[in-house]
Amino acid sequence: MNYHFTAQYEECDGVIIATIPTLKGCVSYGYTLEEAEKNIQEALELYIEDLLESGENIPADTFPSPLFIKKPLSITLPAA
């Protein structure tokens, strides 16, 4: 199954904070943008897997504030 979400990135004290605004608490970080991207991708996969395992609905992506760097992410998980 394919899921698409928008990641948001913000630099704070030398660390890149990455969030998926649609998914409350889906946050990660990295010391480079590439590391933050890799880490938020992993966090997104775990977050969605947890929602699926607990039988919760996957929310539709909403667009975050234009004040931050945004980048679309996609994950593909095996069908349940």
C-alpha atoms as a PDB file:
ATOM      1  CA  MET A   1       0.000   0.000   0.000  1.00  0.00           C
ATOM      2  CA  ASN A   2       1.317   3.465  -0.848  1.00  0.00           C
ATOM      3  CA  TYR A   3       1.101   6.410   1.528  1.00  0.00           C
ATOM      4  CA  HIS A   4       2.147   9.983   0.782  1.00  0.00           C
ATOM      5  CA  PHE A   5       2.950  12.650   3.355  1.00  0.00           C
ATOM      6  CA  THR A   6       4.787  15.949   3.411  1.00  0.00           C
ATOM      7  CA  ALA A   7       7.815  16.325   5.657  1.00  0.00           C
ATOM      8  CA  GLN A   8       8.735  19.681   7.146  1.00  0.00           C
ATOM      9  CA  TYR A   9      12.324  20.616   8.065  1.00  0.00           C
ATOM     10  CA  GLU A  10      13.620  23.325  10.376  1.00  0.00           C
ATOM     11  CA  GLU A  11      17.171  24.117  11.498  1.00  0.00           C
ATOM     12  CA  CYS A  12      17.556  24.606  15.246  1.00  0.00           C
ATOM     13  CA  ASP A  13      20.922  24.977  16.992  1.00  0.00           C
ATOM     14  CA  GLY A  14      22.829  23.017  14.362  1.00  0.00           C
ATOM     15  CA  VAL A  15      20.276  20.205  14.131  1.00  0.00           C
ATOM     16  CA  ILE A  16      17.689  19.673  11.400  1.00  0.00           C
ATOM     17  CA  ILE A  17      14.309  18.862  12.955  1.00  0.00           C
ATOM     18  CA  ALA A  18      12.026  16.859  10.656  1.00  0.00           C
ATOM     19  CA  THR A  19       8.298  16.469  11.249  1.00  0.00           C
ATOM     20  CA  ILE A  20       5.253  15.096   9.473  1.00  0.00           C
ATOM     21  CA  PRO A  21       2.708  17.744  10.545  1.00  0.00           C
ATOM     22  CA  THR A  22      -0.286  15.563   9.643  1.00  0.00           C
ATOM     23  CA  LEU A  23       0.886  12.839  12.047  1.00  0.00           C
ATOM     24  CA  LYS A  24       1.058  14.231  15.574  1.00  0.00           C
ATOM     25  CA  GLY A  25       4.304  13.176  17.221  1.00  0.00           C
ATOM     26  CA  CYS A  26       6.001  11.936  14.045  1.00  0.00           C
ATOM     27  CA  VAL A  27       9.280  13.768  14.571  1.00  0.00           C
ATOM     28  CA  SER A  28      12.940  13.000  13.993  1.00  0.00           C
ATOM     29  CA  TYR A  29      16.182  14.887  13.442  1.00  0.00           C
ATOM     30  CA  GLY A  30      19.595  14.750  11.864  1.00  0.00           C
ATOM     31  CA  TYR A  31      22.799  16.751  11.784  1.00  0.00           C
ATOM     32  CA  THR A  32      22.479  17.081   7.993  1.00  0.00           C
ATOM     33  CA  LEU A  33      19.414  17.381   5.781  1.00  0.00           C
ATOM     34  CA  GLU A  34      20.177  13.964   4.295  1.00  0.00           C
ATOM     35  CA  GLU A  35      20.342  12.365   7.747  1.00  0.00           C
ATOM     36  CA  ALA A  36      17.107  14.084   8.815  1.00  0.00           C
ATOM     37  CA  GLU A  37      15.387  12.866   5.625  1.00  0.00           C
ATOM     38  CA  LYS A  38      16.510   9.282   6.235  1.00  0.00           C
ATOM     39  CA  ASN A  39      15.434   9.404   9.872  1.00  0.00           C
ATOM     40  CA  ILE A  40      11.981  10.917   9.217  1.00  0.00           C
ATOM     41  CA  GLN A  41      11.384   8.327   6.480  1.00  0.00           C
ATOM     42  CA  GLU A  42      12.048   5.583   9.025  1.00  0.00           C
ATOM     43  CA  ALA A  43       9.886   7.321  11.635  1.00  0.00           C
ATOM     44  CA  LEU A  44       7.062   7.633   9.094  1.00  0.00           C
ATOM     45  CA  GLU A  45       7.206   3.932   8.241  1.00  0.00           C
ATOM     46  CA  LEU A  46       7.100   2.936  11.915  1.00  0.00           C
ATOM     47  CA  TYR A  47       4.282   5.388  12.641  1.00  0.00           C
ATOM     48  CA  ILE A  48       2.102   4.076   9.795  1.00  0.00           C
ATOM     49  CA  GLU A  49       2.851   0.444  10.663  1.00  0.00           C
ATOM     50  CA  ASP A  50       1.778   1.148  14.252  1.00  0.00           C
ATOM     51  CA  LEU A  51      -1.486   2.779  13.103  1.00  0.00           C
ATOM     52  CA  LEU A  52      -2.236  -0.198  10.853  1.00  0.00           C
ATOM     53  CA  GLU A  53      -1.463  -2.752  13.573  1.00  0.00           C
ATOM     54  CA  SER A  54      -3.745  -0.961  16.033  1.00  0.00           C
ATOM     55  CA  GLY A  55      -6.553  -0.727  13.455  1.00  0.00           C
ATOM     56  CA  GLU A  56      -6.559   3.066  13.339  1.00  0.00           C
ATOM     57  CA  ASN A  57      -7.317   5.095  10.218  1.00  0.00           C
ATOM     58  CA  ILE A  58      -4.459   6.635   8.272  1.00  0.00           C
ATOM     59  CA  PRO A  59      -5.143  10.391   8.067  1.00  0.00           C
ATOM     60  CA  ALA A  60      -4.977  12.219   4.753  1.00  0.00           C
ATOM     61  CA  ASP A  61      -1.946  14.473   4.356  1.00  0.00           C
ATOM     62  CA  THR A  62      -2.496  18.167   4.996  1.00  0.00           C
ATOM     63  CA  PHE A  63      -0.186  20.896   3.778  1.00  0.00           C
ATOM     64  CA  PRO A  64       2.013  22.463   6.452  1.00  0.00           C
ATOM     65  CA  SER A  65       2.951  26.086   6.880  1.00  0.00           C
ATOM     66  CA  PRO A  66       4.858  27.619   3.942  1.00  0.00           C
ATOM     67  CA  LEU A  67       7.460  28.919   6.414  1.00  0.00           C
ATOM     68  CA  PHE A  68       9.420  25.667   6.453  1.00  0.00           C
ATOM     69  CA  ILE A  69      11.248  23.498   3.926  1.00  0.00           C
ATOM     70  CA  LYS A  70       8.781  20.884   2.703  1.00  0.00           C
ATOM     71  CA  LYS A  71       9.434  17.672   0.849  1.00  0.00           C
ATOM     72  CA  PRO A  72       6.963  14.964  -0.141  1.00  0.00           C
ATOM     73  CA  LEU A  73       7.655  11.461   1.152  1.00  0.00           C
ATOM     74  CA  SER A  74       6.173   8.175   0.027  1.00  0.00           C
ATOM     75  CA  ILE A  75       6.308   4.776   1.643  1.00  0.00           C
ATOM     76  CA  THR A  76       5.079   1.408   0.455  1.00  0.00           C
ATOM     77  CA  LEU A  77       4.092  -1.183   3.025  1.00  0.00           C
ATOM     78  CA  PRO A  78       3.031  -4.759   2.349  1.00  0.00           C
ATOM     79  CA  ALA A  79      -0.735  -5.281   2.194  1.00  0.00           C
ATOM     80  CA  ALA A  80      -2.156  -6.426   5.532  1.00  0.00           C
END
